[in-house]
N, C-alpha and C. Protein backbone atom coordinates (compact mmCIF):
# COMPACT_ATOMS: atom_id res chain seq x y z
N MET A 1 -68.36 -49.09 43.12
CA MET A 1 -68.59 -48.21 44.24
C MET A 1 -69.05 -49.04 45.44
N ARG A 2 -68.61 -48.66 46.60
CA ARG A 2 -69.05 -49.32 47.83
C ARG A 2 -70.45 -48.86 48.20
N ILE A 3 -71.28 -49.83 48.54
CA ILE A 3 -72.65 -49.55 48.97
C ILE A 3 -72.78 -50.00 50.41
N ILE A 4 -73.32 -49.11 51.24
CA ILE A 4 -73.50 -49.38 52.66
C ILE A 4 -74.99 -49.34 52.99
N LEU A 5 -75.51 -50.41 53.56
CA LEU A 5 -76.89 -50.46 54.03
C LEU A 5 -76.90 -50.07 55.50
N ALA A 6 -77.56 -48.99 55.83
CA ALA A 6 -77.62 -48.49 57.20
C ALA A 6 -78.81 -49.12 57.93
N SER A 7 -78.81 -50.45 57.99
CA SER A 7 -79.93 -51.17 58.61
C SER A 7 -79.48 -52.56 59.01
N ALA A 8 -80.00 -53.02 60.15
CA ALA A 8 -79.73 -54.39 60.61
C ALA A 8 -80.80 -55.37 60.13
N SER A 9 -81.77 -54.89 59.37
CA SER A 9 -82.89 -55.73 58.95
C SER A 9 -82.45 -56.86 58.03
N PRO A 10 -82.70 -58.10 58.42
CA PRO A 10 -82.36 -59.21 57.53
C PRO A 10 -83.21 -59.20 56.26
N ARG A 11 -84.40 -58.64 56.33
CA ARG A 11 -85.26 -58.57 55.15
C ARG A 11 -84.70 -57.58 54.13
N ARG A 12 -84.20 -56.44 54.60
CA ARG A 12 -83.60 -55.47 53.68
C ARG A 12 -82.33 -56.05 53.05
N SER A 13 -81.55 -56.73 53.86
CA SER A 13 -80.33 -57.38 53.33
C SER A 13 -80.69 -58.40 52.26
N ALA A 14 -81.72 -59.20 52.51
CA ALA A 14 -82.12 -60.23 51.55
C ALA A 14 -82.57 -59.61 50.23
N ILE A 15 -83.29 -58.49 50.30
CA ILE A 15 -83.76 -57.83 49.08
C ILE A 15 -82.57 -57.36 48.25
N LEU A 16 -81.59 -56.73 48.90
CA LEU A 16 -80.40 -56.27 48.16
C LEU A 16 -79.65 -57.46 47.56
N SER A 17 -79.49 -58.52 48.34
CA SER A 17 -78.78 -59.70 47.85
C SER A 17 -79.50 -60.33 46.67
N HIS A 18 -80.82 -60.46 46.77
CA HIS A 18 -81.60 -61.06 45.67
C HIS A 18 -81.54 -60.20 44.41
N ALA A 19 -81.31 -58.89 44.58
CA ALA A 19 -81.21 -58.00 43.42
C ALA A 19 -79.79 -58.01 42.84
N GLY A 20 -78.90 -58.78 43.45
CA GLY A 20 -77.54 -58.88 42.93
C GLY A 20 -76.66 -57.70 43.27
N ILE A 21 -77.01 -57.00 44.34
CA ILE A 21 -76.24 -55.81 44.74
C ILE A 21 -75.25 -56.20 45.83
N ASP A 22 -74.00 -55.85 45.62
CA ASP A 22 -72.94 -56.12 46.58
C ASP A 22 -72.92 -54.95 47.58
N TYR A 23 -73.01 -55.24 48.85
CA TYR A 23 -73.13 -54.18 49.87
C TYR A 23 -72.52 -54.66 51.18
N GLN A 24 -72.37 -53.73 52.08
CA GLN A 24 -71.97 -54.01 53.46
C GLN A 24 -73.02 -53.41 54.37
N VAL A 25 -73.10 -53.92 55.58
CA VAL A 25 -74.04 -53.39 56.57
C VAL A 25 -73.27 -52.58 57.60
N HIS A 26 -73.78 -51.40 57.88
CA HIS A 26 -73.27 -50.57 58.98
C HIS A 26 -74.50 -49.95 59.63
N VAL A 27 -74.83 -50.45 60.79
CA VAL A 27 -76.06 -50.01 61.47
C VAL A 27 -75.82 -48.68 62.18
N SER A 28 -76.75 -47.78 62.00
CA SER A 28 -76.69 -46.49 62.70
C SER A 28 -76.93 -46.71 64.18
N ASP A 29 -76.22 -45.95 65.00
CA ASP A 29 -76.42 -46.08 66.45
C ASP A 29 -77.13 -44.86 67.03
N ILE A 30 -77.75 -44.06 66.17
CA ILE A 30 -78.48 -42.90 66.69
C ILE A 30 -79.80 -43.33 67.31
N GLU A 31 -80.30 -42.53 68.21
CA GLU A 31 -81.61 -42.73 68.81
C GLU A 31 -82.64 -42.21 67.81
N GLU A 32 -83.50 -43.11 67.32
CA GLU A 32 -84.51 -42.69 66.34
C GLU A 32 -85.56 -41.83 67.02
N CYS A 33 -85.81 -40.66 66.44
CA CYS A 33 -86.79 -39.75 67.03
C CYS A 33 -87.40 -38.92 65.91
N SER A 34 -88.70 -39.01 65.76
CA SER A 34 -89.37 -38.25 64.72
C SER A 34 -90.16 -37.09 65.31
N THR A 35 -90.08 -35.97 64.62
CA THR A 35 -90.85 -34.78 65.01
C THR A 35 -92.06 -34.61 64.10
N LYS A 36 -92.22 -35.52 63.15
CA LYS A 36 -93.29 -35.42 62.15
C LYS A 36 -94.51 -36.22 62.58
N SER A 37 -95.62 -36.04 61.82
CA SER A 37 -96.84 -36.73 62.21
C SER A 37 -97.42 -37.63 61.12
N THR A 38 -97.24 -37.29 59.85
CA THR A 38 -97.80 -38.15 58.80
C THR A 38 -96.84 -39.31 58.53
N PRO A 39 -97.38 -40.46 58.13
CA PRO A 39 -96.51 -41.61 57.87
C PRO A 39 -95.38 -41.32 56.88
N ALA A 40 -95.68 -40.62 55.80
CA ALA A 40 -94.66 -40.32 54.79
C ALA A 40 -93.55 -39.46 55.38
N GLU A 41 -93.93 -38.45 56.16
CA GLU A 41 -92.93 -37.57 56.76
C GLU A 41 -92.10 -38.30 57.81
N VAL A 42 -92.74 -39.16 58.60
CA VAL A 42 -92.03 -39.90 59.65
C VAL A 42 -90.96 -40.80 59.04
N VAL A 43 -91.33 -41.60 58.03
CA VAL A 43 -90.35 -42.53 57.45
C VAL A 43 -89.23 -41.80 56.71
N GLU A 44 -89.56 -40.69 56.08
CA GLU A 44 -88.51 -39.91 55.42
C GLU A 44 -87.53 -39.35 56.45
N GLU A 45 -88.06 -38.78 57.51
CA GLU A 45 -87.20 -38.20 58.55
C GLU A 45 -86.30 -39.26 59.19
N LEU A 46 -86.87 -40.42 59.53
CA LEU A 46 -86.08 -41.46 60.18
C LEU A 46 -85.05 -42.08 59.24
N SER A 47 -85.42 -42.27 57.97
CA SER A 47 -84.44 -42.83 57.03
C SER A 47 -83.27 -41.86 56.84
N LYS A 48 -83.56 -40.58 56.83
CA LYS A 48 -82.52 -39.56 56.67
C LYS A 48 -81.58 -39.54 57.87
N GLN A 49 -82.15 -39.64 59.07
CA GLN A 49 -81.32 -39.67 60.28
C GLN A 49 -80.34 -40.83 60.23
N LYS A 50 -80.84 -42.01 59.90
CA LYS A 50 -79.99 -43.21 59.86
C LYS A 50 -78.90 -43.09 58.79
N ALA A 51 -79.32 -42.73 57.58
CA ALA A 51 -78.38 -42.68 56.46
C ALA A 51 -77.30 -41.62 56.69
N GLU A 52 -77.69 -40.45 57.15
CA GLU A 52 -76.71 -39.38 57.36
C GLU A 52 -75.75 -39.71 58.50
N ASP A 53 -76.25 -40.39 59.53
CA ASP A 53 -75.39 -40.81 60.63
C ASP A 53 -74.29 -41.74 60.12
N VAL A 54 -74.67 -42.73 59.34
CA VAL A 54 -73.71 -43.69 58.80
C VAL A 54 -72.82 -43.04 57.74
N ALA A 55 -73.39 -42.21 56.89
CA ALA A 55 -72.60 -41.55 55.83
C ALA A 55 -71.49 -40.70 56.41
N GLY A 56 -71.71 -40.13 57.57
CA GLY A 56 -70.71 -39.30 58.22
C GLY A 56 -69.47 -40.07 58.64
N LYS A 57 -69.53 -41.37 58.59
CA LYS A 57 -68.41 -42.22 59.00
C LYS A 57 -67.61 -42.75 57.81
N TYR A 58 -67.99 -42.33 56.59
CA TYR A 58 -67.36 -42.83 55.37
C TYR A 58 -66.96 -41.66 54.46
N PRO A 59 -66.03 -41.94 53.55
CA PRO A 59 -65.72 -40.91 52.54
C PRO A 59 -66.91 -40.73 51.61
N GLU A 60 -66.90 -39.64 50.87
CA GLU A 60 -68.05 -39.29 50.04
C GLU A 60 -68.26 -40.19 48.83
N ASP A 61 -67.29 -41.05 48.50
CA ASP A 61 -67.45 -41.87 47.30
C ASP A 61 -68.21 -43.17 47.54
N VAL A 62 -68.84 -43.33 48.70
CA VAL A 62 -69.69 -44.49 48.95
C VAL A 62 -71.16 -44.07 48.80
N LEU A 63 -72.01 -45.06 48.65
CA LEU A 63 -73.45 -44.82 48.64
C LEU A 63 -74.01 -45.45 49.91
N VAL A 64 -74.65 -44.65 50.74
CA VAL A 64 -75.29 -45.17 51.94
C VAL A 64 -76.80 -45.16 51.71
N ILE A 65 -77.42 -46.31 52.01
CA ILE A 65 -78.87 -46.45 51.88
C ILE A 65 -79.46 -46.59 53.26
N GLY A 66 -80.32 -45.65 53.63
CA GLY A 66 -81.06 -45.71 54.90
C GLY A 66 -82.52 -45.90 54.60
N ALA A 67 -83.21 -46.66 55.44
CA ALA A 67 -84.64 -46.90 55.21
C ALA A 67 -85.38 -47.02 56.53
N ASP A 68 -86.65 -46.70 56.49
CA ASP A 68 -87.53 -46.88 57.64
C ASP A 68 -88.93 -47.18 57.10
N THR A 69 -89.60 -48.14 57.73
CA THR A 69 -90.92 -48.58 57.26
C THR A 69 -91.94 -48.50 58.38
N VAL A 70 -93.14 -48.02 58.04
CA VAL A 70 -94.27 -48.07 58.98
C VAL A 70 -95.50 -48.56 58.24
N VAL A 71 -96.40 -49.12 59.00
CA VAL A 71 -97.72 -49.50 58.51
C VAL A 71 -98.69 -48.47 59.06
N SER A 72 -99.63 -48.06 58.24
CA SER A 72 -100.59 -47.07 58.70
C SER A 72 -101.99 -47.44 58.22
N ILE A 73 -102.94 -47.18 59.09
CA ILE A 73 -104.34 -47.38 58.73
C ILE A 73 -105.08 -46.13 59.21
N GLY A 74 -105.65 -45.42 58.27
CA GLY A 74 -106.21 -44.12 58.61
C GLY A 74 -105.06 -43.21 59.04
N ASP A 75 -105.23 -42.55 60.16
CA ASP A 75 -104.17 -41.69 60.68
C ASP A 75 -103.29 -42.40 61.69
N ARG A 76 -103.55 -43.66 61.93
CA ARG A 76 -102.82 -44.40 62.96
C ARG A 76 -101.60 -45.10 62.38
N ILE A 77 -100.44 -44.82 62.95
CA ILE A 77 -99.21 -45.49 62.54
C ILE A 77 -99.00 -46.70 63.44
N LEU A 78 -98.80 -47.85 62.80
CA LEU A 78 -98.53 -49.08 63.54
C LEU A 78 -97.05 -49.41 63.39
N GLY A 79 -96.32 -49.29 64.47
CA GLY A 79 -94.91 -49.63 64.46
C GLY A 79 -94.73 -51.11 64.75
N LYS A 80 -93.64 -51.44 65.39
CA LYS A 80 -93.40 -52.82 65.81
C LYS A 80 -94.13 -53.05 67.12
N PRO A 81 -94.80 -54.20 67.29
CA PRO A 81 -95.55 -54.43 68.52
C PRO A 81 -94.63 -54.53 69.74
N LYS A 82 -95.10 -53.95 70.84
CA LYS A 82 -94.33 -53.96 72.09
C LYS A 82 -94.41 -55.31 72.79
N ASP A 83 -95.55 -55.98 72.61
CA ASP A 83 -95.78 -57.24 73.30
C ASP A 83 -96.91 -58.00 72.59
N THR A 84 -97.30 -59.13 73.14
CA THR A 84 -98.34 -59.97 72.54
C THR A 84 -99.66 -59.21 72.41
N GLU A 85 -100.04 -58.52 73.46
CA GLU A 85 -101.31 -57.77 73.45
C GLU A 85 -101.31 -56.72 72.33
N ASP A 86 -100.20 -56.04 72.17
CA ASP A 86 -100.07 -55.03 71.13
C ASP A 86 -100.17 -55.67 69.74
N ALA A 87 -99.52 -56.82 69.56
CA ALA A 87 -99.57 -57.53 68.27
C ALA A 87 -101.01 -57.95 67.94
N VAL A 88 -101.71 -58.50 68.93
CA VAL A 88 -103.11 -58.91 68.73
C VAL A 88 -103.95 -57.70 68.33
N SER A 89 -103.76 -56.59 69.01
CA SER A 89 -104.51 -55.37 68.72
C SER A 89 -104.26 -54.90 67.28
N MET A 90 -103.00 -54.93 66.86
CA MET A 90 -102.68 -54.49 65.49
C MET A 90 -103.31 -55.40 64.44
N ILE A 91 -103.23 -56.70 64.64
CA ILE A 91 -103.81 -57.63 63.66
C ILE A 91 -105.32 -57.46 63.60
N ARG A 92 -105.96 -57.22 64.75
CA ARG A 92 -107.41 -56.97 64.76
C ARG A 92 -107.75 -55.74 63.93
N VAL A 93 -106.94 -54.68 64.06
CA VAL A 93 -107.18 -53.45 63.31
C VAL A 93 -107.02 -53.68 61.80
N LEU A 94 -106.04 -54.50 61.41
CA LEU A 94 -105.79 -54.74 59.99
C LEU A 94 -106.78 -55.72 59.36
N SER A 95 -107.37 -56.59 60.17
CA SER A 95 -108.28 -57.62 59.69
C SER A 95 -109.45 -57.03 58.89
N GLY A 96 -109.60 -57.51 57.64
CA GLY A 96 -110.72 -57.08 56.80
C GLY A 96 -110.57 -55.67 56.23
N GLN A 97 -109.39 -55.09 56.35
CA GLN A 97 -109.19 -53.70 55.94
C GLN A 97 -108.06 -53.58 54.90
N THR A 98 -108.02 -52.42 54.28
CA THR A 98 -106.89 -52.04 53.43
C THR A 98 -106.09 -51.00 54.19
N HIS A 99 -104.79 -51.23 54.25
CA HIS A 99 -103.91 -50.30 54.95
C HIS A 99 -102.76 -49.90 54.02
N GLN A 100 -101.92 -49.01 54.49
CA GLN A 100 -100.80 -48.53 53.70
C GLN A 100 -99.48 -48.88 54.39
N VAL A 101 -98.49 -49.22 53.57
CA VAL A 101 -97.13 -49.43 54.05
C VAL A 101 -96.29 -48.34 53.41
N TYR A 102 -95.61 -47.57 54.25
CA TYR A 102 -94.72 -46.50 53.79
C TYR A 102 -93.29 -46.86 54.13
N THR A 103 -92.40 -46.74 53.17
CA THR A 103 -90.98 -46.86 53.44
C THR A 103 -90.31 -45.59 52.96
N GLY A 104 -89.60 -44.96 53.88
CA GLY A 104 -88.78 -43.80 53.54
C GLY A 104 -87.40 -44.30 53.21
N VAL A 105 -86.79 -43.72 52.19
CA VAL A 105 -85.44 -44.10 51.78
C VAL A 105 -84.61 -42.83 51.64
N THR A 106 -83.40 -42.89 52.17
CA THR A 106 -82.45 -41.81 51.95
C THR A 106 -81.18 -42.40 51.36
N LEU A 107 -80.75 -41.81 50.26
CA LEU A 107 -79.51 -42.19 49.60
C LEU A 107 -78.51 -41.06 49.84
N CYS A 108 -77.41 -41.38 50.50
CA CYS A 108 -76.35 -40.39 50.73
C CYS A 108 -75.18 -40.73 49.82
N HIS A 109 -74.81 -39.75 49.00
CA HIS A 109 -73.74 -39.96 48.03
C HIS A 109 -73.09 -38.62 47.71
N GLN A 110 -71.78 -38.58 47.75
CA GLN A 110 -71.01 -37.38 47.44
C GLN A 110 -71.48 -36.16 48.21
N GLY A 111 -71.73 -36.37 49.50
CA GLY A 111 -72.09 -35.26 50.37
C GLY A 111 -73.52 -34.77 50.26
N LYS A 112 -74.33 -35.44 49.47
CA LYS A 112 -75.73 -35.04 49.30
C LYS A 112 -76.66 -36.15 49.74
N SER A 113 -77.82 -35.74 50.25
CA SER A 113 -78.85 -36.69 50.66
C SER A 113 -80.05 -36.56 49.72
N HIS A 114 -80.56 -37.70 49.29
CA HIS A 114 -81.74 -37.74 48.43
C HIS A 114 -82.77 -38.60 49.15
N THR A 115 -83.85 -37.98 49.59
CA THR A 115 -84.85 -38.68 50.40
C THR A 115 -86.19 -38.73 49.67
N PHE A 116 -86.83 -39.89 49.74
CA PHE A 116 -88.15 -40.08 49.14
C PHE A 116 -88.87 -41.18 49.91
N HIS A 117 -90.13 -41.39 49.59
CA HIS A 117 -90.87 -42.49 50.20
C HIS A 117 -91.68 -43.22 49.13
N VAL A 118 -92.02 -44.45 49.46
CA VAL A 118 -92.86 -45.27 48.59
C VAL A 118 -94.03 -45.76 49.43
N LYS A 119 -95.22 -45.74 48.85
CA LYS A 119 -96.43 -46.20 49.54
C LYS A 119 -97.03 -47.37 48.78
N THR A 120 -97.42 -48.40 49.51
CA THR A 120 -98.10 -49.56 48.93
C THR A 120 -99.38 -49.80 49.72
N ASP A 121 -100.49 -50.01 49.01
CA ASP A 121 -101.76 -50.36 49.65
C ASP A 121 -101.85 -51.88 49.76
N VAL A 122 -102.23 -52.35 50.94
CA VAL A 122 -102.31 -53.79 51.20
C VAL A 122 -103.69 -54.11 51.79
N SER A 123 -104.38 -55.07 51.18
CA SER A 123 -105.69 -55.49 51.67
C SER A 123 -105.55 -56.84 52.37
N VAL A 124 -106.20 -56.94 53.53
CA VAL A 124 -106.12 -58.13 54.37
C VAL A 124 -107.52 -58.73 54.49
N SER A 125 -107.62 -60.05 54.37
CA SER A 125 -108.91 -60.71 54.56
C SER A 125 -109.31 -60.64 56.03
N TYR A 126 -110.55 -60.94 56.30
CA TYR A 126 -111.02 -60.96 57.68
C TYR A 126 -110.41 -62.16 58.41
N LEU A 127 -109.88 -61.93 59.59
CA LEU A 127 -109.33 -62.99 60.43
C LEU A 127 -110.21 -63.15 61.66
N ASN A 128 -110.58 -64.39 61.97
CA ASN A 128 -111.34 -64.61 63.21
C ASN A 128 -110.35 -64.63 64.38
N GLU A 129 -110.88 -64.68 65.59
CA GLU A 129 -110.03 -64.61 66.79
C GLU A 129 -109.02 -65.76 66.86
N GLN A 130 -109.43 -66.94 66.44
CA GLN A 130 -108.51 -68.08 66.47
C GLN A 130 -107.35 -67.88 65.50
N GLU A 131 -107.67 -67.36 64.30
CA GLU A 131 -106.61 -67.09 63.33
C GLU A 131 -105.64 -66.02 63.83
N ILE A 132 -106.20 -64.99 64.48
CA ILE A 132 -105.35 -63.93 65.04
C ILE A 132 -104.42 -64.50 66.10
N MET A 133 -104.98 -65.29 67.02
CA MET A 133 -104.16 -65.85 68.10
C MET A 133 -103.12 -66.83 67.57
N ASN A 134 -103.50 -67.66 66.60
CA ASN A 134 -102.54 -68.59 66.01
C ASN A 134 -101.38 -67.84 65.37
N TYR A 135 -101.71 -66.78 64.65
CA TYR A 135 -100.66 -66.01 63.99
C TYR A 135 -99.74 -65.35 65.03
N VAL A 136 -100.31 -64.69 65.99
CA VAL A 136 -99.50 -64.00 67.00
C VAL A 136 -98.64 -65.01 67.77
N ASN A 137 -99.23 -66.15 68.10
CA ASN A 137 -98.49 -67.18 68.84
C ASN A 137 -97.37 -67.83 68.01
N SER A 138 -97.38 -67.61 66.70
CA SER A 138 -96.30 -68.14 65.86
C SER A 138 -94.98 -67.40 66.13
N GLY A 139 -95.09 -66.20 66.72
CA GLY A 139 -93.91 -65.39 66.99
C GLY A 139 -93.50 -64.49 65.85
N GLU A 140 -94.09 -64.68 64.68
CA GLU A 140 -93.70 -63.91 63.51
C GLU A 140 -93.97 -62.40 63.61
N PRO A 141 -95.02 -61.96 64.31
CA PRO A 141 -95.33 -60.52 64.30
C PRO A 141 -94.29 -59.63 64.97
N PHE A 142 -93.48 -60.19 65.82
CA PHE A 142 -92.57 -59.36 66.60
C PHE A 142 -91.38 -58.92 65.76
N ASP A 143 -90.98 -57.71 65.92
CA ASP A 143 -89.92 -57.00 65.19
C ASP A 143 -90.34 -56.62 63.78
N LYS A 144 -91.65 -56.58 63.52
CA LYS A 144 -92.15 -56.20 62.20
C LYS A 144 -93.16 -55.07 62.32
N ALA A 145 -93.00 -54.05 61.49
CA ALA A 145 -93.96 -52.95 61.46
C ALA A 145 -95.35 -53.50 61.14
N GLY A 146 -96.33 -53.08 61.91
CA GLY A 146 -97.70 -53.54 61.70
C GLY A 146 -97.96 -54.95 62.18
N ALA A 147 -96.96 -55.58 62.79
CA ALA A 147 -97.08 -56.91 63.39
C ALA A 147 -97.30 -58.04 62.39
N TYR A 148 -96.81 -57.86 61.16
CA TYR A 148 -96.94 -58.96 60.21
C TYR A 148 -95.80 -58.96 59.20
N ALA A 149 -95.63 -60.13 58.59
CA ALA A 149 -94.65 -60.30 57.51
C ALA A 149 -95.40 -60.83 56.29
N ILE A 150 -95.48 -60.01 55.24
CA ILE A 150 -96.18 -60.42 54.03
C ILE A 150 -95.51 -61.64 53.39
N GLN A 151 -94.19 -61.76 53.57
CA GLN A 151 -93.43 -62.86 52.96
C GLN A 151 -93.45 -64.11 53.82
N GLY A 152 -94.15 -64.06 54.94
CA GLY A 152 -94.19 -65.20 55.86
C GLY A 152 -95.58 -65.80 55.97
N LEU A 153 -95.89 -66.25 57.16
CA LEU A 153 -97.16 -66.91 57.43
C LEU A 153 -98.37 -66.03 57.14
N PHE A 154 -98.20 -64.71 57.31
CA PHE A 154 -99.32 -63.79 57.12
C PHE A 154 -99.71 -63.64 55.65
N GLY A 155 -98.83 -64.05 54.75
CA GLY A 155 -99.09 -63.90 53.32
C GLY A 155 -100.41 -64.50 52.86
N LYS A 156 -100.86 -65.56 53.55
CA LYS A 156 -102.13 -66.20 53.13
C LYS A 156 -103.35 -65.33 53.41
N TYR A 157 -103.17 -64.28 54.21
CA TYR A 157 -104.29 -63.38 54.53
C TYR A 157 -104.30 -62.13 53.64
N ILE A 158 -103.30 -61.97 52.80
CA ILE A 158 -103.23 -60.78 51.94
C ILE A 158 -104.04 -61.05 50.67
N THR A 159 -105.06 -60.25 50.44
CA THR A 159 -105.93 -60.45 49.29
C THR A 159 -105.53 -59.61 48.08
N GLN A 160 -104.82 -58.50 48.35
CA GLN A 160 -104.44 -57.64 47.24
C GLN A 160 -103.36 -56.66 47.70
N ILE A 161 -102.44 -56.35 46.78
CA ILE A 161 -101.52 -55.24 47.04
C ILE A 161 -101.50 -54.35 45.81
N HIS A 162 -101.38 -53.07 46.05
CA HIS A 162 -101.28 -52.11 44.96
C HIS A 162 -100.02 -51.30 45.22
N GLY A 163 -98.98 -51.63 44.44
CA GLY A 163 -97.69 -50.97 44.63
C GLY A 163 -96.59 -52.01 44.67
N GLU A 164 -95.42 -51.59 45.13
CA GLU A 164 -94.25 -52.46 45.12
C GLU A 164 -94.26 -53.45 46.28
N TYR A 165 -94.24 -54.73 45.96
CA TYR A 165 -94.23 -55.79 46.96
C TYR A 165 -93.05 -55.64 47.93
N ASN A 166 -91.84 -55.42 47.39
CA ASN A 166 -90.66 -55.32 48.24
C ASN A 166 -90.74 -54.15 49.21
N ASN A 167 -91.54 -53.15 48.89
CA ASN A 167 -91.77 -52.05 49.83
C ASN A 167 -92.41 -52.58 51.11
N VAL A 168 -93.34 -53.50 50.96
CA VAL A 168 -94.04 -54.07 52.12
C VAL A 168 -93.07 -54.92 52.94
N VAL A 169 -92.14 -55.58 52.28
CA VAL A 169 -91.14 -56.38 52.98
C VAL A 169 -90.16 -55.46 53.73
N GLY A 170 -89.93 -54.25 53.19
CA GLY A 170 -89.09 -53.29 53.91
C GLY A 170 -88.10 -52.49 53.10
N LEU A 171 -87.98 -52.75 51.79
CA LEU A 171 -87.04 -51.98 50.97
C LEU A 171 -87.53 -51.95 49.53
N PRO A 172 -87.99 -50.80 49.06
CA PRO A 172 -88.53 -50.70 47.70
C PRO A 172 -87.39 -50.65 46.67
N ILE A 173 -86.87 -51.82 46.34
CA ILE A 173 -85.68 -51.91 45.51
C ILE A 173 -85.88 -51.32 44.11
N ALA A 174 -87.06 -51.48 43.53
CA ALA A 174 -87.30 -50.91 42.20
C ALA A 174 -87.22 -49.39 42.23
N ALA A 175 -87.79 -48.79 43.27
CA ALA A 175 -87.74 -47.33 43.40
C ALA A 175 -86.32 -46.85 43.69
N ILE A 176 -85.57 -47.63 44.48
CA ILE A 176 -84.18 -47.27 44.77
C ILE A 176 -83.35 -47.34 43.49
N TYR A 177 -83.52 -48.41 42.73
CA TYR A 177 -82.79 -48.55 41.47
C TYR A 177 -83.10 -47.38 40.53
N ALA A 178 -84.39 -47.05 40.39
CA ALA A 178 -84.79 -45.96 39.50
C ALA A 178 -84.21 -44.62 39.96
N LYS A 179 -84.23 -44.37 41.27
CA LYS A 179 -83.69 -43.12 41.81
C LYS A 179 -82.19 -43.04 41.57
N CYS A 180 -81.48 -44.13 41.83
CA CYS A 180 -80.03 -44.15 41.59
C CYS A 180 -79.73 -43.89 40.12
N LYS A 181 -80.49 -44.53 39.25
CA LYS A 181 -80.29 -44.36 37.80
C LYS A 181 -80.50 -42.90 37.41
N SER A 182 -81.54 -42.26 37.97
CA SER A 182 -81.82 -40.87 37.63
C SER A 182 -80.73 -39.93 38.15
N LEU A 183 -80.04 -40.35 39.22
CA LEU A 183 -78.96 -39.54 39.79
C LEU A 183 -77.60 -39.88 39.18
N GLY A 184 -77.56 -40.88 38.27
CA GLY A 184 -76.31 -41.28 37.66
C GLY A 184 -75.44 -42.13 38.57
N ILE A 185 -76.07 -42.82 39.53
CA ILE A 185 -75.35 -43.67 40.47
C ILE A 185 -75.52 -45.12 40.02
N GLU A 186 -74.44 -45.79 39.72
CA GLU A 186 -74.47 -47.19 39.26
C GLU A 186 -74.45 -48.11 40.47
N ILE A 187 -75.53 -48.92 40.65
CA ILE A 187 -75.55 -49.84 41.80
C ILE A 187 -75.54 -51.31 41.37
N MET A 188 -75.58 -51.60 40.10
CA MET A 188 -75.59 -52.99 39.64
C MET A 188 -74.27 -53.32 38.97
């Protein structure tokens, strides 16, 4: 079966490749807009928009995977930083705290959409101002939800995770595999 990833994320592509899944990329061109307020609802809604947009361009015998990830601390959703100041602010908020990473996933197959989310708790050590500035100046925080990459330079500040590691990177492959298996969809 053809598998289509509705995302331009190199991290999501790498996760699928490392899992041995053969896929193609087709990026959705819709304007992302959420009407929801909780992190779980936001990522589910956005993943569904992306997946359904791309699925509408293919026959029903393909599997389209859409995903969206946010970082949240308390009620505050941290998206991708707009600029250096925003990145610094986000890292300050995460420093010494435990936050949540939510990824919404929508699987479109045979005219049906199956949407769910995965949550992972991530604890970050305390970072002093010099560490924050060094990290932000590395350029790594940009284009990443919450202004960090667990698989990159920021990994040394992660003290604990509770949940799926790949969810924090951007695609909860274990949960996707389990959902596909429960739906009778062969992806391996």
